[in-house]
Amino acid sequence: MEIIRLSGYTEDEKVNIALKYLVPKQMKENGVQEDELHIRGIGIAGYRSLLHARSRGA
């Protein structure tokens, strides 16, 4: 996955962008069907952890 900078967005907005646009794009590019991937509470928490890690490393 590529890293994109989203400065000026809140953490919640970044998670929503990822879930609404970036994940479906990656699923399509990698041939993953909707019924093969389900992101729920723990998945969203994982996104938040990744955002924090990437933000600190940038």
N, C-alpha and C. Protein backbone atom coordinates (compact mmCIF):
# COMPACT_ATOMS: atom_id res chain seq x y z
N MET A 1 0.83 -1.18 0.00
CA MET A 1 0.00 0.00 0.00
C MET A 1 0.87 1.24 0.00
N GLU A 2 0.40 2.25 -0.67
CA GLU A 2 1.13 3.50 -0.72
C GLU A 2 0.79 4.36 0.49
N ILE A 3 1.69 5.23 0.87
CA ILE A 3 1.45 6.16 1.96
C ILE A 3 1.02 7.48 1.35
N ILE A 4 -0.12 7.99 1.80
CA ILE A 4 -0.57 9.29 1.35
C ILE A 4 -0.69 10.20 2.56
N ARG A 5 -0.32 11.43 2.38
CA ARG A 5 -0.38 12.41 3.46
C ARG A 5 -1.75 13.06 3.47
N LEU A 6 -2.38 13.10 4.63
CA LEU A 6 -3.69 13.72 4.78
C LEU A 6 -3.66 14.75 5.90
N SER A 7 -2.74 15.67 5.81
CA SER A 7 -2.66 16.69 6.86
C SER A 7 -3.92 17.55 6.82
N GLY A 8 -4.33 18.00 7.96
CA GLY A 8 -5.54 18.82 8.04
C GLY A 8 -6.81 18.04 8.30
N TYR A 9 -6.71 16.72 8.32
CA TYR A 9 -7.87 15.88 8.61
C TYR A 9 -7.76 15.33 10.03
N THR A 10 -8.91 15.14 10.68
CA THR A 10 -8.90 14.53 12.00
C THR A 10 -8.68 13.03 11.85
N GLU A 11 -8.38 12.39 12.95
CA GLU A 11 -8.18 10.93 12.93
C GLU A 11 -9.43 10.21 12.42
N ASP A 12 -10.60 10.63 12.88
CA ASP A 12 -11.85 10.00 12.43
C ASP A 12 -12.06 10.18 10.93
N GLU A 13 -11.73 11.37 10.43
CA GLU A 13 -11.86 11.61 9.00
C GLU A 13 -10.91 10.72 8.20
N LYS A 14 -9.70 10.54 8.70
CA LYS A 14 -8.73 9.68 8.02
C LYS A 14 -9.21 8.23 7.99
N VAL A 15 -9.77 7.75 9.10
CA VAL A 15 -10.29 6.38 9.13
C VAL A 15 -11.44 6.24 8.14
N ASN A 16 -12.33 7.23 8.11
CA ASN A 16 -13.46 7.17 7.18
C ASN A 16 -13.00 7.19 5.73
N ILE A 17 -12.00 8.01 5.41
CA ILE A 17 -11.45 8.05 4.06
C ILE A 17 -10.87 6.68 3.69
N ALA A 18 -10.12 6.09 4.61
CA ALA A 18 -9.53 4.78 4.35
C ALA A 18 -10.62 3.73 4.11
N LEU A 19 -11.63 3.71 4.95
CA LEU A 19 -12.68 2.69 4.83
C LEU A 19 -13.55 2.90 3.59
N LYS A 20 -13.81 4.14 3.26
CA LYS A 20 -14.73 4.42 2.16
C LYS A 20 -14.06 4.40 0.79
N TYR A 21 -12.80 4.81 0.70
CA TYR A 21 -12.16 4.94 -0.60
C TYR A 21 -10.92 4.07 -0.79
N LEU A 22 -10.02 4.07 0.19
CA LEU A 22 -8.74 3.40 -0.01
C LEU A 22 -8.85 1.88 0.07
N VAL A 23 -9.59 1.37 1.03
CA VAL A 23 -9.73 -0.09 1.15
C VAL A 23 -10.44 -0.67 -0.07
N PRO A 24 -11.57 -0.09 -0.51
CA PRO A 24 -12.20 -0.65 -1.71
C PRO A 24 -11.29 -0.60 -2.94
N LYS A 25 -10.50 0.45 -3.08
CA LYS A 25 -9.56 0.55 -4.20
C LYS A 25 -8.54 -0.59 -4.15
N GLN A 26 -7.97 -0.83 -2.97
CA GLN A 26 -6.99 -1.90 -2.83
C GLN A 26 -7.62 -3.27 -3.02
N MET A 27 -8.85 -3.44 -2.54
CA MET A 27 -9.54 -4.71 -2.72
C MET A 27 -9.73 -5.00 -4.21
N LYS A 28 -10.15 -3.99 -4.96
CA LYS A 28 -10.37 -4.17 -6.40
C LYS A 28 -9.06 -4.48 -7.11
N GLU A 29 -8.00 -3.73 -6.77
CA GLU A 29 -6.71 -3.94 -7.43
C GLU A 29 -6.10 -5.31 -7.11
N ASN A 30 -6.48 -5.89 -5.97
CA ASN A 30 -5.91 -7.17 -5.56
C ASN A 30 -6.87 -8.34 -5.68
N GLY A 31 -8.02 -8.10 -6.28
CA GLY A 31 -8.97 -9.18 -6.54
C GLY A 31 -9.65 -9.74 -5.31
N VAL A 32 -9.80 -8.94 -4.27
CA VAL A 32 -10.47 -9.39 -3.05
C VAL A 32 -11.95 -9.02 -3.14
N GLN A 33 -12.82 -10.01 -2.99
CA GLN A 33 -14.26 -9.78 -3.04
C GLN A 33 -14.77 -9.25 -1.70
N GLU A 34 -15.90 -8.54 -1.74
CA GLU A 34 -16.47 -7.96 -0.52
C GLU A 34 -16.76 -9.02 0.54
N ASP A 35 -17.19 -10.21 0.12
CA ASP A 35 -17.52 -11.25 1.10
C ASP A 35 -16.27 -11.93 1.68
N GLU A 36 -15.09 -11.57 1.18
CA GLU A 36 -13.85 -12.16 1.67
C GLU A 36 -13.17 -11.31 2.75
N LEU A 37 -13.64 -10.08 2.94
CA LEU A 37 -13.02 -9.18 3.90
C LEU A 37 -14.10 -8.42 4.66
N HIS A 38 -14.03 -8.50 5.97
CA HIS A 38 -14.96 -7.77 6.83
C HIS A 38 -14.15 -7.01 7.86
N ILE A 39 -14.31 -5.69 7.88
CA ILE A 39 -13.58 -4.86 8.83
C ILE A 39 -14.59 -4.37 9.87
N ARG A 40 -14.33 -4.75 11.09
CA ARG A 40 -15.23 -4.36 12.18
C ARG A 40 -14.43 -3.60 13.22
N GLY A 41 -14.90 -3.54 14.45
CA GLY A 41 -14.28 -2.77 15.51
C GLY A 41 -12.78 -2.93 15.64
N ILE A 42 -12.29 -4.16 15.68
CA ILE A 42 -10.86 -4.37 15.85
C ILE A 42 -10.10 -3.90 14.62
N GLY A 43 -10.70 -4.04 13.43
CA GLY A 43 -10.08 -3.55 12.21
C GLY A 43 -9.93 -2.05 12.22
N ILE A 44 -10.95 -1.37 12.70
CA ILE A 44 -10.90 0.09 12.78
C ILE A 44 -9.86 0.51 13.80
N ALA A 45 -9.76 -0.21 14.90
CA ALA A 45 -8.72 0.09 15.90
C ALA A 45 -7.34 -0.10 15.28
N GLY A 46 -7.20 -1.08 14.42
CA GLY A 46 -5.94 -1.30 13.72
C GLY A 46 -5.59 -0.14 12.80
N TYR A 47 -6.60 0.41 12.13
CA TYR A 47 -6.37 1.59 11.30
C TYR A 47 -5.86 2.75 12.14
N ARG A 48 -6.49 2.93 13.30
CA ARG A 48 -6.08 4.03 14.19
C ARG A 48 -4.62 3.83 14.63
N SER A 49 -4.24 2.61 14.97
CA SER A 49 -2.86 2.33 15.37
C SER A 49 -1.90 2.62 14.22
N LEU A 50 -2.28 2.23 13.02
CA LEU A 50 -1.44 2.49 11.86
C LEU A 50 -1.31 3.98 11.61
N LEU A 51 -2.40 4.71 11.73
CA LEU A 51 -2.35 6.15 11.56
C LEU A 51 -1.41 6.80 12.56
N HIS A 52 -1.49 6.36 13.82
CA HIS A 52 -0.62 6.93 14.85
C HIS A 52 0.84 6.60 14.54
N ALA A 53 1.10 5.37 14.15
CA ALA A 53 2.48 4.96 13.87
C ALA A 53 3.05 5.76 12.69
N ARG A 54 2.26 5.91 11.64
CA ARG A 54 2.70 6.63 10.44
C ARG A 54 2.87 8.12 10.75
N SER A 55 1.98 8.67 11.56
CA SER A 55 2.05 10.09 11.90
C SER A 55 3.30 10.41 12.69
N ARG A 56 3.64 9.53 13.62
CA ARG A 56 4.84 9.74 14.43
C ARG A 56 6.11 9.57 13.61
N GLY A 57 6.06 8.67 12.63
CA GLY A 57 7.24 8.40 11.83
C GLY A 57 7.47 9.41 10.72
N ALA A 58 6.47 10.21 10.44
CA ALA A 58 6.57 11.18 9.31
C ALA A 58 7.35 12.41 9.70
